[in-house]
Amino acid sequence: MSLPCEYIVKNVIPSIRKEVVKILSEDYGMCNRDIARKLGLTDAAVSQYLAEKRGKGFELDEKIYTMVRESADRIFRGLSSIDSEVCKICNEIKRRMGEKK
């Protein structure tokens, strides 16, 4: 049996990053190198997220996707960091996981 945090690290965080990368690329027109720098990732990781080779382990529902879009906007505008935004989203997901028990 794995801990909820293990599931989040393996599945949720990569899925959130993938969506943020896609939004920054498609909606904000950022190049891979700029996305990598802003998110603290490698250029290769950004390419893999965009090619859907990473971040396929968790399906974002509508509310979480809306949170991710708002987070991407704050990150793009330099108002927040990926770390801070991922923590907010993960806390919401963990809260929901606790409600299902």
PDB file of N, CA and C in Angstrom:
ATOM      1  N   MET A   1       0.840  -1.176   0.000  1.00  0.00           N
ATOM      2  CA  MET A   1       0.000   0.000   0.000  1.00  0.00           C
ATOM      3  C   MET A   1       0.888   1.244   0.000  1.00  0.00           C
ATOM      4  N   SER A   2       0.627   2.137  -0.907  1.00  0.00           N
ATOM      5  CA  SER A   2       1.441   3.345  -0.967  1.00  0.00           C
ATOM      6  C   SER A   2       0.728   4.503  -0.266  1.00  0.00           C
ATOM      7  N   LEU A   3       1.521   5.427   0.195  1.00  0.00           N
ATOM      8  CA  LEU A   3       0.996   6.607   0.861  1.00  0.00           C
ATOM      9  C   LEU A   3       0.402   7.565  -0.162  1.00  0.00           C
ATOM     10  N   PRO A   4      -0.574   8.381   0.246  1.00  0.00           N
ATOM     11  CA  PRO A   4      -1.154   9.362  -0.687  1.00  0.00           C
ATOM     12  C   PRO A   4      -0.088  10.273  -1.296  1.00  0.00           C
ATOM     13  N   CYS A   5       0.911  10.626  -0.517  1.00  0.00           N
ATOM     14  CA  CYS A   5       1.963  11.507  -1.040  1.00  0.00           C
ATOM     15  C   CYS A   5       2.771  10.829  -2.141  1.00  0.00           C
ATOM     16  N   GLU A   6       2.963   9.514  -2.046  1.00  0.00           N
ATOM     17  CA  GLU A   6       3.673   8.797  -3.106  1.00  0.00           C
ATOM     18  C   GLU A   6       2.886   8.876  -4.408  1.00  0.00           C
ATOM     19  N   TYR A   7       1.593   8.698  -4.317  1.00  0.00           N
ATOM     20  CA  TYR A   7       0.731   8.797  -5.497  1.00  0.00           C
ATOM     21  C   TYR A   7       0.820  10.198  -6.101  1.00  0.00           C
ATOM     22  N   ILE A   8       0.809  11.198  -5.245  1.00  0.00           N
ATOM     23  CA  ILE A   8       0.867  12.577  -5.726  1.00  0.00           C
ATOM     24  C   ILE A   8       2.193  12.851  -6.431  1.00  0.00           C
ATOM     25  N   VAL A   9       3.284  12.395  -5.845  1.00  0.00           N
ATOM     26  CA  VAL A   9       4.605  12.629  -6.451  1.00  0.00           C
ATOM     27  C   VAL A   9       4.733  11.917  -7.795  1.00  0.00           C
ATOM     28  N   LYS A  10       4.246  10.683  -7.874  1.00  0.00           N
ATOM     29  CA  LYS A  10       4.393   9.890  -9.102  1.00  0.00           C
ATOM     30  C   LYS A  10       3.417  10.291 -10.202  1.00  0.00           C
ATOM     31  N   ASN A  11       2.207  10.702  -9.820  1.00  0.00           N
ATOM     32  CA  ASN A  11       1.158  10.904 -10.813  1.00  0.00           C
ATOM     33  C   ASN A  11       0.628  12.326 -10.926  1.00  0.00           C
ATOM     34  N   VAL A  12       0.337  12.930  -9.800  1.00  0.00           N
ATOM     35  CA  VAL A  12      -0.330  14.232  -9.828  1.00  0.00           C
ATOM     36  C   VAL A  12       0.612  15.348 -10.253  1.00  0.00           C
ATOM     37  N   ILE A  13       1.761  15.465  -9.611  1.00  0.00           N
ATOM     38  CA  ILE A  13       2.678  16.561  -9.917  1.00  0.00           C
ATOM     39  C   ILE A  13       3.108  16.541 -11.384  1.00  0.00           C
ATOM     40  N   PRO A  14       3.507  15.398 -11.955  1.00  0.00           N
ATOM     41  CA  PRO A  14       3.841  15.418 -13.390  1.00  0.00           C
ATOM     42  C   PRO A  14       2.662  15.840 -14.275  1.00  0.00           C
ATOM     43  N   SER A  15       1.447  15.453 -13.901  1.00  0.00           N
ATOM     44  CA  SER A  15       0.278  15.841 -14.696  1.00  0.00           C
ATOM     45  C   SER A  15       0.025  17.343 -14.614  1.00  0.00           C
ATOM     46  N   ILE A  16       0.221  17.916 -13.439  1.00  0.00           N
ATOM     47  CA  ILE A  16       0.072  19.367 -13.285  1.00  0.00           C
ATOM     48  C   ILE A  16       1.134  20.086 -14.109  1.00  0.00           C
ATOM     49  N   ARG A  17       2.378  19.638 -13.991  1.00  0.00           N
ATOM     50  CA  ARG A  17       3.458  20.260 -14.772  1.00  0.00           C
ATOM     51  C   ARG A  17       3.173  20.190 -16.262  1.00  0.00           C
ATOM     52  N   LYS A  18       2.700  19.012 -16.714  1.00  0.00           N
ATOM     53  CA  LYS A  18       2.403  18.852 -18.148  1.00  0.00           C
ATOM     54  C   LYS A  18       1.391  19.894 -18.598  1.00  0.00           C
ATOM     55  N   GLU A  19       0.340  20.077 -17.829  1.00  0.00           N
ATOM     56  CA  GLU A  19      -0.690  21.045 -18.220  1.00  0.00           C
ATOM     57  C   GLU A  19      -0.165  22.473 -18.182  1.00  0.00           C
ATOM     58  N   VAL A  20       0.633  22.808 -17.179  1.00  0.00           N
ATOM     59  CA  VAL A  20       1.214  24.148 -17.115  1.00  0.00           C
ATOM     60  C   VAL A  20       2.117  24.382 -18.322  1.00  0.00           C
ATOM     61  N   VAL A  21       2.935  23.399 -18.663  1.00  0.00           N
ATOM     62  CA  VAL A  21       3.822  23.513 -19.826  1.00  0.00           C
ATOM     63  C   VAL A  21       2.995  23.728 -21.098  1.00  0.00           C
ATOM     64  N   LYS A  22       1.943  22.935 -21.277  1.00  0.00           N
ATOM     65  CA  LYS A  22       1.099  23.071 -22.463  1.00  0.00           C
ATOM     66  C   LYS A  22       0.449  24.448 -22.535  1.00  0.00           C
ATOM     67  N   ILE A  23      -0.039  24.935 -21.423  1.00  0.00           N
ATOM     68  CA  ILE A  23      -0.691  26.251 -21.399  1.00  0.00           C
ATOM     69  C   ILE A  23       0.317  27.352 -21.719  1.00  0.00           C
ATOM     70  N   LEU A  24       1.491  27.289 -21.096  1.00  0.00           N
ATOM     71  CA  LEU A  24       2.505  28.315 -21.364  1.00  0.00           C
ATOM     72  C   LEU A  24       2.943  28.296 -22.825  1.00  0.00           C
ATOM     73  N   SER A  25       3.001  27.118 -23.405  1.00  0.00           N
ATOM     74  CA  SER A  25       3.399  26.994 -24.806  1.00  0.00           C
ATOM     75  C   SER A  25       2.285  27.431 -25.749  1.00  0.00           C
ATOM     76  N   GLU A  26       1.110  26.852 -25.578  1.00  0.00           N
ATOM     77  CA  GLU A  26       0.017  27.077 -26.523  1.00  0.00           C
ATOM     78  C   GLU A  26      -0.700  28.403 -26.332  1.00  0.00           C
ATOM     79  N   ASP A  27      -0.986  28.768 -25.098  1.00  0.00           N
ATOM     80  CA  ASP A  27      -1.764  29.979 -24.845  1.00  0.00           C
ATOM     81  C   ASP A  27      -0.916  31.236 -24.740  1.00  0.00           C
ATOM     82  N   TYR A  28       0.308  31.082 -24.234  1.00  0.00           N
ATOM     83  CA  TYR A  28       1.161  32.246 -24.024  1.00  0.00           C
ATOM     84  C   TYR A  28       2.315  32.329 -25.031  1.00  0.00           C
ATOM     85  N   GLY A  29       2.434  31.330 -25.896  1.00  0.00           N
ATOM     86  CA  GLY A  29       3.435  31.356 -26.953  1.00  0.00           C
ATOM     87  C   GLY A  29       4.876  31.312 -26.485  1.00  0.00           C
ATOM     88  N   MET A  30       5.111  30.767 -25.313  1.00  0.00           N
ATOM     89  CA  MET A  30       6.482  30.696 -24.813  1.00  0.00           C
ATOM     90  C   MET A  30       7.228  29.561 -25.497  1.00  0.00           C
ATOM     91  N   CYS A  31       8.514  29.750 -25.728  1.00  0.00           N
ATOM     92  CA  CYS A  31       9.333  28.688 -26.304  1.00  0.00           C
ATOM     93  C   CYS A  31       9.765  27.729 -25.197  1.00  0.00           C
ATOM     94  N   ASN A  32      10.183  26.543 -25.615  1.00  0.00           N
ATOM     95  CA  ASN A  32      10.560  25.499 -24.655  1.00  0.00           C
ATOM     96  C   ASN A  32      11.634  25.959 -23.684  1.00  0.00           C
ATOM     97  N   ARG A  33      12.625  26.660 -24.174  1.00  0.00           N
ATOM     98  CA  ARG A  33      13.732  27.097 -23.315  1.00  0.00           C
ATOM     99  C   ARG A  33      13.232  28.052 -22.228  1.00  0.00           C
ATOM    100  N   ASP A  34      12.360  28.991 -22.606  1.00  0.00           N
ATOM    101  CA  ASP A  34      11.825  29.936 -21.616  1.00  0.00           C
ATOM    102  C   ASP A  34      10.938  29.237 -20.593  1.00  0.00           C
ATOM    103  N   ILE A  35      10.150  28.276 -21.052  1.00  0.00           N
ATOM    104  CA  ILE A  35       9.314  27.504 -20.129  1.00  0.00           C
ATOM    105  C   ILE A  35      10.197  26.743 -19.151  1.00  0.00           C
ATOM    106  N   ALA A  36      11.230  26.097 -19.677  1.00  0.00           N
ATOM    107  CA  ALA A  36      12.147  25.329 -18.823  1.00  0.00           C
ATOM    108  C   ALA A  36      12.764  26.222 -17.753  1.00  0.00           C
ATOM    109  N   ARG A  37      13.207  27.384 -18.132  1.00  0.00           N
ATOM    110  CA  ARG A  37      13.818  28.298 -17.159  1.00  0.00           C
ATOM    111  C   ARG A  37      12.807  28.751 -16.112  1.00  0.00           C
ATOM    112  N   LYS A  38      11.616  29.100 -16.555  1.00  0.00           N
ATOM    113  CA  LYS A  38      10.590  29.599 -15.640  1.00  0.00           C
ATOM    114  C   LYS A  38      10.147  28.526 -14.643  1.00  0.00           C
ATOM    115  N   LEU A  39      10.121  27.263 -15.093  1.00  0.00           N
ATOM    116  CA  LEU A  39       9.639  26.180 -14.248  1.00  0.00           C
ATOM    117  C   LEU A  39      10.742  25.377 -13.575  1.00  0.00           C
ATOM    118  N   GLY A  40      11.989  25.703 -13.869  1.00  0.00           N
ATOM    119  CA  GLY A  40      13.098  24.964 -13.263  1.00  0.00           C
ATOM    120  C   GLY A  40      13.224  23.555 -13.810  1.00  0.00           C
ATOM    121  N   LEU A  41      12.902  23.391 -15.087  1.00  0.00           N
ATOM    122  CA  LEU A  41      12.977  22.095 -15.756  1.00  0.00           C
ATOM    123  C   LEU A  41      14.067  22.138 -16.820  1.00  0.00           C
ATOM    124  N   THR A  42      14.389  20.982 -17.363  1.00  0.00           N
ATOM    125  CA  THR A  42      15.295  20.943 -18.509  1.00  0.00           C
ATOM    126  C   THR A  42      14.494  21.136 -19.788  1.00  0.00           C
ATOM    127  N   ASP A  43      15.172  21.541 -20.857  1.00  0.00           N
ATOM    128  CA  ASP A  43      14.507  21.654 -22.159  1.00  0.00           C
ATOM    129  C   ASP A  43      13.923  20.304 -22.576  1.00  0.00           C
ATOM    130  N   ALA A  44      14.656  19.228 -22.273  1.00  0.00           N
ATOM    131  CA  ALA A  44      14.192  17.884 -22.629  1.00  0.00           C
ATOM    132  C   ALA A  44      12.903  17.534 -21.891  1.00  0.00           C
ATOM    133  N   ALA A  45      12.814  17.894 -20.618  1.00  0.00           N
ATOM    134  CA  ALA A  45      11.598  17.610 -19.851  1.00  0.00           C
ATOM    135  C   ALA A  45      10.409  18.354 -20.450  1.00  0.00           C
ATOM    136  N   VAL A  46      10.609  19.606 -20.823  1.00  0.00           N
ATOM    137  CA  VAL A  46       9.535  20.388 -21.452  1.00  0.00           C
ATOM    138  C   VAL A  46       9.088  19.711 -22.741  1.00  0.00           C
ATOM    139  N   SER A  47      10.032  19.277 -23.553  1.00  0.00           N
ATOM    140  CA  SER A  47       9.700  18.582 -24.803  1.00  0.00           C
ATOM    141  C   SER A  47       8.906  17.314 -24.537  1.00  0.00           C
ATOM    142  N   GLN A  48       9.290  16.580 -23.497  1.00  0.00           N
ATOM    143  CA  GLN A  48       8.581  15.343 -23.167  1.00  0.00           C
ATOM    144  C   GLN A  48       7.167  15.623 -22.665  1.00  0.00           C
ATOM    145  N   TYR A  49       6.986  16.675 -21.895  1.00  0.00           N
ATOM    146  CA  TYR A  49       5.630  17.036 -21.469  1.00  0.00           C
ATOM    147  C   TYR A  49       4.772  17.403 -22.678  1.00  0.00           C
ATOM    148  N   LEU A  50       5.330  18.180 -23.590  1.00  0.00           N
ATOM    149  CA  LEU A  50       4.568  18.596 -24.773  1.00  0.00           C
ATOM    150  C   LEU A  50       4.255  17.420 -25.696  1.00  0.00           C
ATOM    151  N   ALA A  51       5.140  16.424 -25.728  1.00  0.00           N
ATOM    152  CA  ALA A  51       4.921  15.237 -26.554  1.00  0.00           C
ATOM    153  C   ALA A  51       4.069  14.192 -25.832  1.00  0.00           C
ATOM    154  N   GLU A  52       3.601  14.537 -24.624  1.00  0.00           N
ATOM    155  CA  GLU A  52       2.763  13.642 -23.815  1.00  0.00           C
ATOM    156  C   GLU A  52       3.483  12.353 -23.427  1.00  0.00           C
ATOM    157  N   LYS A  53       4.813  12.426 -23.291  1.00  0.00           N
ATOM    158  CA  LYS A  53       5.582  11.279 -22.815  1.00  0.00           C
ATOM    159  C   LYS A  53       5.709  11.286 -21.300  1.00  0.00           C
ATOM    160  N   ARG A  54       5.342  12.389 -20.676  1.00  0.00           N
ATOM    161  CA  ARG A  54       5.351  12.528 -19.216  1.00  0.00           C
ATOM    162  C   ARG A  54       4.005  13.114 -18.799  1.00  0.00           C
ATOM    163  N   GLY A  55       3.622  12.832 -17.576  1.00  0.00           N
ATOM    164  CA  GLY A  55       2.453  13.481 -17.003  1.00  0.00           C
ATOM    165  C   GLY A  55       1.120  12.891 -17.416  1.00  0.00           C
ATOM    166  N   LYS A  56       1.077  11.577 -17.643  1.00  0.00           N
ATOM    167  CA  LYS A  56      -0.164  10.935 -18.071  1.00  0.00           C
ATOM    168  C   LYS A  56      -0.863  10.176 -16.947  1.00  0.00           C
ATOM    169  N   GLY A  57      -0.363  10.270 -15.725  1.00  0.00           N
ATOM    170  CA  GLY A  57      -0.854   9.410 -14.662  1.00  0.00           C
ATOM    171  C   GLY A  57      -2.070   9.879 -13.898  1.00  0.00           C
ATOM    172  N   PHE A  58      -2.532  11.112 -14.154  1.00  0.00           N
ATOM    173  CA  PHE A  58      -3.643  11.638 -13.376  1.00  0.00           C
ATOM    174  C   PHE A  58      -4.511  12.509 -14.273  1.00  0.00           C
ATOM    175  N   GLU A  59      -5.783  12.242 -14.266  1.00  0.00           N
ATOM    176  CA  GLU A  59      -6.741  13.016 -15.070  1.00  0.00           C
ATOM    177  C   GLU A  59      -7.240  14.198 -14.244  1.00  0.00           C
ATOM    178  N   LEU A  60      -7.057  15.398 -14.762  1.00  0.00           N
ATOM    179  CA  LEU A  60      -7.502  16.595 -14.056  1.00  0.00           C
ATOM    180  C   LEU A  60      -8.983  16.827 -14.317  1.00  0.00           C
ATOM    181  N   ASP A  61      -9.750  17.006 -13.243  1.00  0.00           N
ATOM    182  CA  ASP A  61     -11.159  17.330 -13.449  1.00  0.00           C
ATOM    183  C   ASP A  61     -11.283  18.829 -13.758  1.00  0.00           C
ATOM    184  N   GLU A  62     -12.488  19.275 -14.000  1.00  0.00           N
ATOM    185  CA  GLU A  62     -12.709  20.660 -14.444  1.00  0.00           C
ATOM    186  C   GLU A  62     -12.219  21.686 -13.423  1.00  0.00           C
ATOM    187  N   LYS A  63     -12.514  21.462 -12.148  1.00  0.00           N
ATOM    188  CA  LYS A  63     -12.097  22.421 -11.112  1.00  0.00           C
ATOM    189  C   LYS A  63     -10.568  22.478 -10.993  1.00  0.00           C
ATOM    190  N   ILE A  64      -9.933  21.327 -11.006  1.00  0.00           N
ATOM    191  CA  ILE A  64      -8.473  21.302 -10.901  1.00  0.00           C
ATOM    192  C   ILE A  64      -7.850  21.922 -12.148  1.00  0.00           C
ATOM    193  N   TYR A  65      -8.414  21.626 -13.323  1.00  0.00           N
ATOM    194  CA  TYR A  65      -7.883  22.216 -14.557  1.00  0.00           C
ATOM    195  C   TYR A  65      -7.997  23.744 -14.512  1.00  0.00           C
ATOM    196  N   THR A  66      -9.098  24.247 -13.979  1.00  0.00           N
ATOM    197  CA  THR A  66      -9.257  25.695 -13.835  1.00  0.00           C
ATOM    198  C   THR A  66      -8.189  26.258 -12.908  1.00  0.00           C
ATOM    199  N   MET A  67      -7.911  25.557 -11.825  1.00  0.00           N
ATOM    200  CA  MET A  67      -6.839  25.980 -10.914  1.00  0.00           C
ATOM    201  C   MET A  67      -5.493  25.999 -11.635  1.00  0.00           C
ATOM    202  N   VAL A  68      -5.243  24.990 -12.461  1.00  0.00           N
ATOM    203  CA  VAL A  68      -3.981  24.910 -13.203  1.00  0.00           C
ATOM    204  C   VAL A  68      -3.869  26.079 -14.180  1.00  0.00           C
ATOM    205  N   ARG A  69      -4.954  26.401 -14.873  1.00  0.00           N
ATOM    206  CA  ARG A  69      -4.939  27.537 -15.818  1.00  0.00           C
ATOM    207  C   ARG A  69      -4.641  28.849 -15.082  1.00  0.00           C
ATOM    208  N   GLU A  70      -5.271  29.041 -13.929  1.00  0.00           N
ATOM    209  CA  GLU A  70      -5.023  30.252 -13.141  1.00  0.00           C
ATOM    210  C   GLU A  70      -3.580  30.275 -12.640  1.00  0.00           C
ATOM    211  N   SER A  71      -3.070  29.122 -12.253  1.00  0.00           N
ATOM    212  CA  SER A  71      -1.679  29.030 -11.806  1.00  0.00           C
ATOM    213  C   SER A  71      -0.720  29.372 -12.935  1.00  0.00           C
ATOM    214  N   ALA A  72      -0.981  28.837 -14.123  1.00  0.00           N
ATOM    215  CA  ALA A  72      -0.119  29.111 -15.272  1.00  0.00           C
ATOM    216  C   ALA A  72      -0.086  30.612 -15.565  1.00  0.00           C
ATOM    217  N   ASP A  73      -1.218  31.261 -15.431  1.00  0.00           N
ATOM    218  CA  ASP A  73      -1.270  32.706 -15.664  1.00  0.00           C
ATOM    219  C   ASP A  73      -0.417  33.454 -14.641  1.00  0.00           C
ATOM    220  N   ARG A  74      -0.533  33.071 -13.367  1.00  0.00           N
ATOM    221  CA  ARG A  74       0.284  33.720 -12.329  1.00  0.00           C
ATOM    222  C   ARG A  74       1.767  33.466 -12.562  1.00  0.00           C
ATOM    223  N   ILE A  75       2.104  32.249 -12.966  1.00  0.00           N
ATOM    224  CA  ILE A  75       3.507  31.920 -13.245  1.00  0.00           C
ATOM    225  C   ILE A  75       4.003  32.738 -14.430  1.00  0.00           C
ATOM    226  N   PHE A  76       3.216  32.809 -15.489  1.00  0.00           N
ATOM    227  CA  PHE A  76       3.594  33.573 -16.676  1.00  0.00           C
ATOM    228  C   PHE A  76       3.857  35.038 -16.324  1.00  0.00           C
ATOM    229  N   ARG A  77       2.989  35.611 -15.502  1.00  0.00           N
ATOM    230  CA  ARG A  77       3.115  37.023 -15.138  1.00  0.00           C
ATOM    231  C   ARG A  77       4.164  37.275 -14.050  1.00  0.00           C
ATOM    232  N   GLY A  78       4.795  36.205 -13.560  1.00  0.00           N
ATOM    233  CA  GLY A  78       5.840  36.351 -12.551  1.00  0.00           C
ATOM    234  C   GLY A  78       5.303  36.630 -11.161  1.00  0.00           C
ATOM    235  N   LEU A  79       4.029  36.340 -10.931  1.00  0.00           N
ATOM    236  CA  LEU A  79       3.407  36.598  -9.637  1.00  0.00           C
ATOM    237  C   LEU A  79       3.545  35.426  -8.675  1.00  0.00           C
ATOM    238  N   SER A  80       3.942  34.275  -9.198  1.00  0.00           N
ATOM    239  CA  SER A  80       4.068  33.083  -8.367  1.00  0.00           C
ATOM    240  C   SER A  80       5.069  32.133  -9.010  1.00  0.00           C
ATOM    241  N   SER A  81       5.413  31.093  -8.258  1.00  0.00           N
ATOM    242  CA  SER A  81       6.349  30.078  -8.759  1.00  0.00           C
ATOM    243  C   SER A  81       5.616  28.764  -8.975  1.00  0.00           C
ATOM    244  N   ILE A  82       6.211  27.890  -9.748  1.00  0.00           N
ATOM    245  CA  ILE A  82       5.613  26.569  -9.973  1.00  0.00           C
ATOM    246  C   ILE A  82       5.491  25.818  -8.652  1.00  0.00           C
ATOM    247  N   ASP A  83       6.468  25.936  -7.778  1.00  0.00           N
ATOM    248  CA  ASP A  83       6.426  25.227  -6.496  1.00  0.00           C
ATOM    249  C   ASP A  83       5.212  25.648  -5.670  1.00  0.00           C
ATOM    250  N   SER A  84       5.013  26.925  -5.546  1.00  0.00           N
ATOM    251  CA  SER A  84       3.891  27.440  -4.772  1.00  0.00           C
ATOM    252  C   SER A  84       2.555  27.013  -5.372  1.00  0.00           C
ATOM    253  N   GLU A  85       2.453  27.088  -6.680  1.00  0.00           N
ATOM    254  CA  GLU A  85       1.202  26.752  -7.354  1.00  0.00           C
ATOM    255  C   GLU A  85       0.909  25.253  -7.278  1.00  0.00           C
ATOM    256  N   VAL A  86       1.925  24.427  -7.449  1.00  0.00           N
ATOM    257  CA  VAL A  86       1.720  22.976  -7.347  1.00  0.00           C
ATOM    258  C   VAL A  86       1.267  22.615  -5.938  1.00  0.00           C
ATOM    259  N   CYS A  87       1.835  23.261  -4.930  1.00  0.00           N
ATOM    260  CA  CYS A  87       1.423  22.983  -3.551  1.00  0.00           C
ATOM    261  C   CYS A  87      -0.056  23.309  -3.337  1.00  0.00           C
ATOM    262  N   LYS A  88      -0.511  24.436  -3.862  1.00  0.00           N
ATOM    263  CA  LYS A  88      -1.930  24.798  -3.719  1.00  0.00           C
ATOM    264  C   LYS A  88      -2.828  23.736  -4.342  1.00  0.00           C
ATOM    265  N   ILE A  89      -2.478  23.331  -5.541  1.00  0.00           N
ATOM    266  CA  ILE A  89      -3.298  22.355  -6.266  1.00  0.00           C
ATOM    267  C   ILE A  89      -3.248  20.995  -5.570  1.00  0.00           C
ATOM    268  N   CYS A  90      -2.069  20.573  -5.153  1.00  0.00           N
ATOM    269  CA  CYS A  90      -1.936  19.282  -4.466  1.00  0.00           C
ATOM    270  C   CYS A  90      -2.709  19.271  -3.154  1.00  0.00           C
ATOM    271  N   ASN A  91      -2.701  20.381  -2.447  1.00  0.00           N
ATOM    272  CA  ASN A  91      -3.465  20.445  -1.202  1.00  0.00           C
ATOM    273  C   ASN A  91      -4.953  20.272  -1.467  1.00  0.00           C
ATOM    274  N   GLU A  92      -5.448  20.840  -2.536  1.00  0.00           N
ATOM    275  CA  GLU A  92      -6.859  20.652  -2.898  1.00  0.00           C
ATOM    276  C   GLU A  92      -7.132  19.195  -3.246  1.00  0.00           C
ATOM    277  N   ILE A  93      -6.236  18.582  -3.980  1.00  0.00           N
ATOM    278  CA  ILE A  93      -6.412  17.174  -4.358  1.00  0.00           C
ATOM    279  C   ILE A  93      -6.350  16.282  -3.116  1.00  0.00           C
ATOM    280  N   LYS A  94      -5.397  16.536  -2.222  1.00  0.00           N
ATOM    281  CA  LYS A  94      -5.304  15.750  -0.987  1.00  0.00           C
ATOM    282  C   LYS A  94      -6.556  15.930  -0.132  1.00  0.00           C
ATOM    283  N   ARG A  95      -7.097  17.134  -0.084  1.00  0.00           N
ATOM    284  CA  ARG A  95      -8.318  17.394   0.667  1.00  0.00           C
ATOM    285  C   ARG A  95      -9.454  16.538   0.104  1.00  0.00           C
ATOM    286  N   ARG A  96      -9.544  16.490  -1.218  1.00  0.00           N
ATOM    287  CA  ARG A  96     -10.587  15.684  -1.857  1.00  0.00           C
ATOM    288  C   ARG A  96     -10.392  14.201  -1.593  1.00  0.00           C
ATOM    289  N   MET A  97      -9.137  13.763  -1.617  1.00  0.00           N
ATOM    290  CA  MET A  97      -8.852  12.352  -1.361  1.00  0.00           C
ATOM    291  C   MET A  97      -9.294  11.987   0.056  1.00  0.00           C
ATOM    292  N   GLY A  98      -9.108  12.895   0.997  1.00  0.00           N
ATOM    293  CA  GLY A  98      -9.525  12.655   2.365  1.00  0.00           C
ATOM    294  C   GLY A  98     -11.035  12.591   2.508  1.00  0.00           C
ATOM    295  N   GLU A  99     -11.737  13.336   1.691  1.00  0.00           N
ATOM    296  CA  GLU A  99     -13.203  13.346   1.740  1.00  0.00           C
ATOM    297  C   GLU A  99     -13.791  12.039   1.226  1.00  0.00           C
ATOM    298  N   LYS A 100     -13.079  11.367   0.347  1.00  0.00           N
ATOM    299  CA  LYS A 100     -13.590  10.127  -0.262  1.00  0.00           C
ATOM    300  C   LYS A 100     -13.508   8.938   0.677  1.00  0.00           C
ATOM    301  N   LYS A 101     -12.731   9.041   1.728  1.00  0.00           N
ATOM    302  CA  LYS A 101     -12.540   7.913   2.652  1.00  0.00           C
ATOM    303  C   LYS A 101     -13.761   7.672   3.490  1.00  0.00           C
TER     304      LYS A 101
END
